[in-house]
Amino acid sequence: MTMEMTRRDWMSTLAKAPVARLAMLWDALDVVPEFTWLRAPEIGATMVRGRMGGTGAAFNLGEMTVTRCSLQLTSGAVGHGYVQGRDKDKARIAALVDALMQGDAAETVRERLLRPLQDEIGRESTERAAKAAATKVDFFTMVRGED
């Protein structure tokens, strides 16, 4: 069963992936594509914006360190990597995966690297939600009858 994965999906997965696990799955792919840098990995900052309750007016929450890079495979596919923090290697792997997902290797990369990462991220999110739900307190107000 092949489920469609959009670029947004795989870029999100790569950004959220723990670097050690991403590197391990990348090494297991045993793919070493030739590429040229369009933009070598560089570290900078970006403004993070938020919304109260997810729907309110946007406000600047603060800055976050990011690493980004862009590369082009010899096949012509261009890949971009944007990751939180200062990890140039993670950004490079993310850009390579992005570029490979646009070519013939997409199915292999999807099944052997992205799906396992998505499954693990989903499991961790479910576990975190269950732990949070266990601490939930429901408050209620009793009607006193004094009007």
N, C-alpha and C. Protein backbone atom coordinates (compact mmCIF):
# COMPACT_ATOMS: atom_id res chain seq x y z
N MET A 1 0.84 -1.18 0.00
CA MET A 1 0.00 0.00 0.00
C MET A 1 0.89 1.24 0.00
N THR A 2 0.77 2.08 -1.01
CA THR A 2 1.54 3.30 -1.10
C THR A 2 0.62 4.47 -0.82
N MET A 3 0.94 5.20 0.22
CA MET A 3 0.14 6.36 0.57
C MET A 3 0.88 7.60 0.08
N GLU A 4 0.16 8.53 -0.52
CA GLU A 4 0.77 9.74 -1.06
C GLU A 4 1.34 10.59 0.07
N MET A 5 2.52 11.11 -0.15
CA MET A 5 3.18 11.96 0.83
C MET A 5 3.54 13.26 0.12
N THR A 6 3.09 14.37 0.67
CA THR A 6 3.40 15.66 0.07
C THR A 6 4.77 16.15 0.55
N ARG A 7 5.30 17.14 -0.15
CA ARG A 7 6.58 17.71 0.25
C ARG A 7 6.49 18.29 1.65
N ARG A 8 5.37 18.89 1.95
CA ARG A 8 5.16 19.43 3.30
C ARG A 8 5.28 18.33 4.35
N ASP A 9 4.73 17.15 4.06
CA ASP A 9 4.80 16.02 4.99
C ASP A 9 6.23 15.59 5.25
N TRP A 10 7.00 15.39 4.16
CA TRP A 10 8.36 14.88 4.39
C TRP A 10 9.28 15.94 4.97
N MET A 11 9.08 17.22 4.62
CA MET A 11 9.90 18.27 5.21
C MET A 11 9.62 18.39 6.71
N SER A 12 8.35 18.27 7.10
CA SER A 12 7.97 18.30 8.50
C SER A 12 8.59 17.13 9.26
N THR A 13 8.51 15.95 8.67
CA THR A 13 9.09 14.76 9.29
C THR A 13 10.58 14.92 9.49
N LEU A 14 11.28 15.41 8.48
CA LEU A 14 12.73 15.60 8.58
C LEU A 14 13.08 16.62 9.65
N ALA A 15 12.31 17.69 9.76
CA ALA A 15 12.59 18.73 10.74
C ALA A 15 12.38 18.23 12.17
N LYS A 16 11.39 17.35 12.36
CA LYS A 16 11.06 16.85 13.70
C LYS A 16 11.90 15.64 14.11
N ALA A 17 12.54 14.99 13.18
CA ALA A 17 13.26 13.75 13.45
C ALA A 17 14.46 13.96 14.38
N PRO A 18 14.64 13.06 15.34
CA PRO A 18 15.86 13.11 16.16
C PRO A 18 17.07 12.87 15.26
N VAL A 19 18.10 13.67 15.42
CA VAL A 19 19.25 13.63 14.51
C VAL A 19 19.93 12.26 14.50
N ALA A 20 20.05 11.62 15.64
CA ALA A 20 20.73 10.31 15.68
C ALA A 20 19.95 9.28 14.87
N ARG A 21 18.64 9.26 15.02
CA ARG A 21 17.81 8.29 14.29
C ARG A 21 17.81 8.60 12.78
N LEU A 22 17.73 9.89 12.43
CA LEU A 22 17.77 10.28 11.02
C LEU A 22 19.09 9.85 10.39
N ALA A 23 20.19 10.10 11.07
CA ALA A 23 21.51 9.72 10.55
C ALA A 23 21.62 8.20 10.40
N MET A 24 21.08 7.46 11.36
CA MET A 24 21.14 6.00 11.29
C MET A 24 20.34 5.47 10.09
N LEU A 25 19.14 5.98 9.89
CA LEU A 25 18.32 5.54 8.76
C LEU A 25 18.94 5.97 7.43
N TRP A 26 19.55 7.16 7.40
CA TRP A 26 20.21 7.65 6.19
C TRP A 26 21.38 6.74 5.83
N ASP A 27 22.20 6.40 6.82
CA ASP A 27 23.34 5.51 6.58
C ASP A 27 22.88 4.14 6.10
N ALA A 28 21.76 3.66 6.64
CA ALA A 28 21.23 2.35 6.25
C ALA A 28 20.73 2.35 4.81
N LEU A 29 20.35 3.52 4.29
CA LEU A 29 19.91 3.60 2.89
C LEU A 29 21.04 3.26 1.93
N ASP A 30 22.25 3.55 2.36
CA ASP A 30 23.44 3.28 1.56
C ASP A 30 23.34 3.97 0.19
N VAL A 31 22.92 5.22 0.21
CA VAL A 31 22.82 6.04 -1.00
C VAL A 31 23.76 7.22 -0.83
N VAL A 32 24.62 7.43 -1.80
CA VAL A 32 25.55 8.56 -1.74
C VAL A 32 25.44 9.34 -3.05
N PRO A 33 24.40 10.18 -3.13
CA PRO A 33 24.21 10.92 -4.38
C PRO A 33 25.24 12.05 -4.52
N GLU A 34 25.66 12.29 -5.74
CA GLU A 34 26.56 13.41 -6.00
C GLU A 34 25.73 14.67 -6.11
N PHE A 35 26.25 15.75 -5.55
CA PHE A 35 25.52 17.02 -5.55
C PHE A 35 26.49 18.18 -5.52
N THR A 36 25.94 19.35 -5.81
CA THR A 36 26.69 20.59 -5.65
C THR A 36 25.87 21.49 -4.73
N TRP A 37 26.58 22.24 -3.91
CA TRP A 37 25.91 23.15 -2.99
C TRP A 37 25.37 24.36 -3.75
N LEU A 38 24.13 24.69 -3.54
CA LEU A 38 23.57 25.96 -4.00
C LEU A 38 23.71 26.98 -2.87
N ARG A 39 23.54 26.48 -1.66
CA ARG A 39 23.76 27.27 -0.44
C ARG A 39 24.29 26.29 0.61
N ALA A 40 25.55 26.44 0.97
CA ALA A 40 26.14 25.56 1.98
C ALA A 40 25.41 25.75 3.31
N PRO A 41 25.45 24.75 4.18
CA PRO A 41 24.75 24.89 5.47
C PRO A 41 25.19 26.14 6.22
N GLU A 42 24.21 26.91 6.65
CA GLU A 42 24.49 28.12 7.41
C GLU A 42 23.51 28.22 8.57
N ILE A 43 23.99 28.80 9.66
CA ILE A 43 23.21 28.91 10.88
C ILE A 43 22.73 30.35 11.02
N GLY A 44 21.49 30.48 11.38
CA GLY A 44 20.90 31.81 11.56
C GLY A 44 19.75 31.76 12.54
N ALA A 45 18.93 32.77 12.50
CA ALA A 45 17.78 32.84 13.40
C ALA A 45 16.55 33.21 12.60
N THR A 46 15.42 32.79 13.11
CA THR A 46 14.15 33.15 12.50
C THR A 46 13.17 33.53 13.60
N MET A 47 12.24 34.38 13.29
CA MET A 47 11.24 34.81 14.27
C MET A 47 10.12 33.77 14.31
N VAL A 48 9.80 33.35 15.50
CA VAL A 48 8.70 32.40 15.71
C VAL A 48 7.47 33.20 16.11
N ARG A 49 6.38 32.95 15.42
CA ARG A 49 5.14 33.66 15.72
C ARG A 49 4.14 32.70 16.34
N GLY A 50 3.26 33.22 17.14
CA GLY A 50 2.25 32.40 17.80
C GLY A 50 0.89 33.07 17.73
N ARG A 51 -0.13 32.34 18.16
CA ARG A 51 -1.51 32.87 18.24
C ARG A 51 -2.11 32.37 19.55
N MET A 52 -2.76 33.24 20.26
CA MET A 52 -3.44 32.84 21.49
C MET A 52 -4.58 31.89 21.14
N GLY A 53 -4.57 30.73 21.74
CA GLY A 53 -5.62 29.75 21.49
C GLY A 53 -5.62 29.20 20.08
N GLY A 54 -4.59 29.49 19.32
CA GLY A 54 -4.50 29.00 17.94
C GLY A 54 -5.31 29.78 16.94
N THR A 55 -6.13 30.72 17.41
CA THR A 55 -6.99 31.46 16.49
C THR A 55 -6.90 32.97 16.65
N GLY A 56 -6.24 33.44 17.70
CA GLY A 56 -6.16 34.87 17.97
C GLY A 56 -5.22 35.59 17.03
N ALA A 57 -5.00 36.86 17.31
CA ALA A 57 -4.09 37.67 16.51
C ALA A 57 -2.66 37.16 16.67
N ALA A 58 -1.90 37.18 15.59
CA ALA A 58 -0.51 36.70 15.63
C ALA A 58 0.36 37.66 16.42
N PHE A 59 1.33 37.09 17.14
CA PHE A 59 2.30 37.90 17.88
C PHE A 59 3.67 37.24 17.78
N ASN A 60 4.72 38.03 17.94
CA ASN A 60 6.08 37.51 17.90
C ASN A 60 6.40 36.84 19.22
N LEU A 61 6.69 35.55 19.17
CA LEU A 61 6.98 34.78 20.37
C LEU A 61 8.45 34.91 20.75
N GLY A 62 9.32 34.91 19.75
CA GLY A 62 10.75 35.03 20.00
C GLY A 62 11.53 34.46 18.83
N GLU A 63 12.85 34.49 18.94
CA GLU A 63 13.69 33.97 17.87
C GLU A 63 14.09 32.53 18.14
N MET A 64 14.35 31.79 17.07
CA MET A 64 14.77 30.41 17.16
C MET A 64 15.96 30.22 16.21
N THR A 65 16.96 29.47 16.65
CA THR A 65 18.11 29.18 15.81
C THR A 65 17.74 28.11 14.79
N VAL A 66 18.10 28.32 13.54
CA VAL A 66 17.85 27.35 12.48
C VAL A 66 19.11 27.18 11.63
N THR A 67 19.20 26.03 11.00
CA THR A 67 20.26 25.76 10.03
C THR A 67 19.57 25.44 8.71
N ARG A 68 20.08 26.04 7.64
CA ARG A 68 19.47 25.80 6.33
C ARG A 68 20.55 25.56 5.29
N CYS A 69 20.15 24.88 4.23
CA CYS A 69 21.05 24.67 3.10
C CYS A 69 20.22 24.28 1.88
N SER A 70 20.83 24.41 0.71
CA SER A 70 20.20 24.00 -0.54
C SER A 70 21.28 23.34 -1.39
N LEU A 71 20.86 22.31 -2.12
CA LEU A 71 21.79 21.60 -2.98
C LEU A 71 21.09 21.12 -4.24
N GLN A 72 21.89 20.73 -5.22
CA GLN A 72 21.34 20.21 -6.46
C GLN A 72 22.04 18.90 -6.79
N LEU A 73 21.26 17.86 -7.00
CA LEU A 73 21.80 16.57 -7.40
C LEU A 73 22.25 16.64 -8.86
N THR A 74 23.10 15.70 -9.27
CA THR A 74 23.53 15.67 -10.67
C THR A 74 22.36 15.43 -11.60
N SER A 75 21.27 14.84 -11.07
CA SER A 75 20.06 14.61 -11.88
C SER A 75 19.30 15.91 -12.13
N GLY A 76 19.63 16.97 -11.38
CA GLY A 76 18.96 18.25 -11.54
C GLY A 76 17.99 18.58 -10.42
N ALA A 77 17.61 17.60 -9.61
CA ALA A 77 16.68 17.84 -8.51
C ALA A 77 17.32 18.74 -7.47
N VAL A 78 16.56 19.70 -6.99
CA VAL A 78 17.04 20.64 -5.98
C VAL A 78 16.39 20.28 -4.64
N GLY A 79 17.19 20.22 -3.59
CA GLY A 79 16.69 19.92 -2.26
C GLY A 79 17.04 21.01 -1.28
N HIS A 80 16.15 21.23 -0.33
CA HIS A 80 16.35 22.25 0.70
C HIS A 80 16.25 21.59 2.06
N GLY A 81 17.04 22.04 3.00
CA GLY A 81 16.97 21.54 4.36
C GLY A 81 16.87 22.70 5.33
N TYR A 82 15.85 22.70 6.17
CA TYR A 82 15.66 23.68 7.23
C TYR A 82 15.41 22.92 8.51
N VAL A 83 16.29 23.06 9.49
CA VAL A 83 16.14 22.34 10.74
C VAL A 83 16.38 23.27 11.93
N GLN A 84 15.73 22.96 13.02
CA GLN A 84 15.91 23.73 14.25
C GLN A 84 17.28 23.44 14.83
N GLY A 85 17.93 24.46 15.33
CA GLY A 85 19.21 24.28 15.99
C GLY A 85 20.40 24.53 15.08
N ARG A 86 21.55 24.00 15.49
CA ARG A 86 22.81 24.28 14.81
C ARG A 86 23.43 23.03 14.20
N ASP A 87 22.63 22.15 13.67
CA ASP A 87 23.15 20.89 13.15
C ASP A 87 23.26 20.93 11.63
N LYS A 88 24.45 21.22 11.13
CA LYS A 88 24.67 21.32 9.69
C LYS A 88 24.51 19.96 9.00
N ASP A 89 24.90 18.89 9.67
CA ASP A 89 24.77 17.55 9.07
C ASP A 89 23.31 17.16 8.91
N LYS A 90 22.48 17.48 9.90
CA LYS A 90 21.04 17.18 9.79
C LYS A 90 20.43 17.97 8.64
N ALA A 91 20.83 19.22 8.48
CA ALA A 91 20.32 20.05 7.38
C ALA A 91 20.74 19.46 6.03
N ARG A 92 21.99 18.97 5.95
CA ARG A 92 22.48 18.35 4.71
C ARG A 92 21.67 17.10 4.37
N ILE A 93 21.45 16.24 5.36
CA ILE A 93 20.67 15.02 5.13
C ILE A 93 19.24 15.38 4.71
N ALA A 94 18.65 16.36 5.38
CA ALA A 94 17.29 16.79 5.03
C ALA A 94 17.23 17.28 3.59
N ALA A 95 18.22 18.05 3.17
CA ALA A 95 18.24 18.55 1.79
C ALA A 95 18.43 17.40 0.79
N LEU A 96 19.28 16.44 1.12
CA LEU A 96 19.48 15.28 0.23
C LEU A 96 18.20 14.46 0.12
N VAL A 97 17.53 14.23 1.23
CA VAL A 97 16.27 13.48 1.20
C VAL A 97 15.22 14.24 0.39
N ASP A 98 15.14 15.54 0.59
CA ASP A 98 14.20 16.36 -0.17
C ASP A 98 14.45 16.21 -1.67
N ALA A 99 15.70 16.27 -2.07
CA ALA A 99 16.03 16.14 -3.50
C ALA A 99 15.73 14.73 -4.01
N LEU A 100 16.07 13.71 -3.23
CA LEU A 100 15.82 12.33 -3.65
C LEU A 100 14.32 12.03 -3.77
N MET A 101 13.51 12.68 -2.94
CA MET A 101 12.06 12.46 -2.99
C MET A 101 11.43 13.00 -4.26
N GLN A 102 12.19 13.74 -5.04
CA GLN A 102 11.67 14.30 -6.29
C GLN A 102 12.09 13.47 -7.50
N GLY A 103 12.71 12.32 -7.24
CA GLY A 103 13.19 11.51 -8.35
C GLY A 103 12.79 10.05 -8.24
N ASP A 104 13.57 9.20 -8.90
CA ASP A 104 13.27 7.76 -8.96
C ASP A 104 13.42 7.04 -7.62
N ALA A 105 14.21 7.60 -6.72
CA ALA A 105 14.46 6.95 -5.43
C ALA A 105 13.38 7.26 -4.40
N ALA A 106 12.37 8.00 -4.78
CA ALA A 106 11.36 8.46 -3.82
C ALA A 106 10.71 7.33 -3.03
N GLU A 107 10.30 6.28 -3.72
CA GLU A 107 9.61 5.18 -3.03
C GLU A 107 10.50 4.51 -2.00
N THR A 108 11.76 4.28 -2.36
CA THR A 108 12.72 3.65 -1.44
C THR A 108 12.95 4.55 -0.23
N VAL A 109 13.17 5.83 -0.46
CA VAL A 109 13.41 6.78 0.64
C VAL A 109 12.17 6.87 1.53
N ARG A 110 11.01 6.89 0.92
CA ARG A 110 9.75 6.98 1.68
C ARG A 110 9.59 5.79 2.60
N GLU A 111 9.78 4.60 2.07
CA GLU A 111 9.53 3.39 2.85
C GLU A 111 10.63 3.06 3.85
N ARG A 112 11.87 3.36 3.52
CA ARG A 112 12.98 2.96 4.40
C ARG A 112 13.46 4.06 5.34
N LEU A 113 13.08 5.30 5.09
CA LEU A 113 13.53 6.39 5.96
C LEU A 113 12.36 7.21 6.52
N LEU A 114 11.50 7.71 5.66
CA LEU A 114 10.44 8.61 6.13
C LEU A 114 9.34 7.90 6.91
N ARG A 115 8.87 6.75 6.43
CA ARG A 115 7.79 6.03 7.14
C ARG A 115 8.22 5.64 8.56
N PRO A 116 9.42 5.04 8.73
CA PRO A 116 9.83 4.72 10.10
C PRO A 116 9.91 5.97 11.00
N LEU A 117 10.40 7.07 10.45
CA LEU A 117 10.47 8.30 11.25
C LEU A 117 9.06 8.79 11.61
N GLN A 118 8.15 8.78 10.64
CA GLN A 118 6.77 9.21 10.91
C GLN A 118 6.12 8.33 11.98
N ASP A 119 6.33 7.03 11.88
CA ASP A 119 5.75 6.11 12.86
C ASP A 119 6.28 6.41 14.27
N GLU A 120 7.59 6.61 14.38
CA GLU A 120 8.20 6.89 15.68
C GLU A 120 7.73 8.23 16.24
N ILE A 121 7.68 9.25 15.40
CA ILE A 121 7.22 10.57 15.84
C ILE A 121 5.77 10.49 16.29
N GLY A 122 4.93 9.75 15.55
CA GLY A 122 3.53 9.56 15.91
C GLY A 122 3.36 8.84 17.24
N ARG A 123 4.16 7.79 17.44
CA ARG A 123 4.11 7.04 18.70
C ARG A 123 4.49 7.93 19.88
N GLU A 124 5.57 8.69 19.72
CA GLU A 124 6.02 9.58 20.79
C GLU A 124 4.97 10.65 21.10
N SER A 125 4.33 11.16 20.06
CA SER A 125 3.28 12.17 20.25
C SER A 125 2.09 11.58 21.00
N THR A 126 1.71 10.36 20.66
CA THR A 126 0.60 9.69 21.33
C THR A 126 0.92 9.43 22.80
N GLU A 127 2.15 8.98 23.07
CA GLU A 127 2.57 8.73 24.45
C GLU A 127 2.57 10.03 25.26
N ARG A 128 3.07 11.10 24.66
CA ARG A 128 3.11 12.40 25.33
C ARG A 128 1.69 12.88 25.63
N ALA A 129 0.77 12.70 24.68
CA ALA A 129 -0.62 13.12 24.88
C ALA A 129 -1.28 12.29 25.98
N ALA A 130 -0.97 11.00 26.04
CA ALA A 130 -1.54 10.14 27.08
C ALA A 130 -1.04 10.57 28.46
N LYS A 131 0.23 10.90 28.57
CA LYS A 131 0.78 11.36 29.85
C LYS A 131 0.13 12.67 30.27
N ALA A 132 -0.07 13.57 29.31
CA ALA A 132 -0.71 14.85 29.63
C ALA A 132 -2.16 14.63 30.03
N ALA A 133 -2.87 13.74 29.34
CA ALA A 133 -4.28 13.47 29.65
C ALA A 133 -4.43 12.89 31.05
N ALA A 134 -3.44 12.14 31.50
CA ALA A 134 -3.51 11.53 32.83
C ALA A 134 -3.44 12.58 33.93
N THR A 135 -2.92 13.76 33.62
CA THR A 135 -2.81 14.82 34.63
C THR A 135 -3.90 15.86 34.50
N LYS A 136 -4.83 15.64 33.59
CA LYS A 136 -5.89 16.63 33.35
C LYS A 136 -6.83 16.71 34.55
N VAL A 137 -7.17 17.94 34.90
CA VAL A 137 -8.11 18.18 35.98
C VAL A 137 -9.31 18.92 35.41
N ASP A 138 -10.51 18.39 35.64
CA ASP A 138 -11.73 19.04 35.20
C ASP A 138 -12.30 19.84 36.36
N PHE A 139 -12.43 21.14 36.16
CA PHE A 139 -12.99 22.01 37.17
C PHE A 139 -14.47 22.23 36.87
N PHE A 140 -15.25 22.36 37.89
CA PHE A 140 -16.67 22.64 37.68
C PHE A 140 -17.13 23.61 38.77
N THR A 141 -18.22 24.27 38.51
CA THR A 141 -18.79 25.21 39.46
C THR A 141 -20.17 24.72 39.85
N MET A 142 -20.39 24.67 41.12
CA MET A 142 -21.70 24.26 41.62
C MET A 142 -22.59 25.49 41.73
N VAL A 143 -23.82 25.35 41.37
CA VAL A 143 -24.78 26.45 41.48
C VAL A 143 -25.17 26.57 42.94
N ARG A 144 -25.06 27.78 43.47
CA ARG A 144 -25.32 27.99 44.89
C ARG A 144 -26.76 28.34 45.19
N GLY A 145 -27.49 28.75 44.23
CA GLY A 145 -28.88 29.10 44.48
C GLY A 145 -29.08 30.53 44.93
N GLU A 146 -28.06 31.33 45.00
CA GLU A 146 -28.17 32.74 45.40
C GLU A 146 -28.19 33.59 44.15
N ASP A 147 -29.32 34.08 43.76
CA ASP A 147 -29.42 34.93 42.57
C ASP A 147 -29.84 36.30 42.93
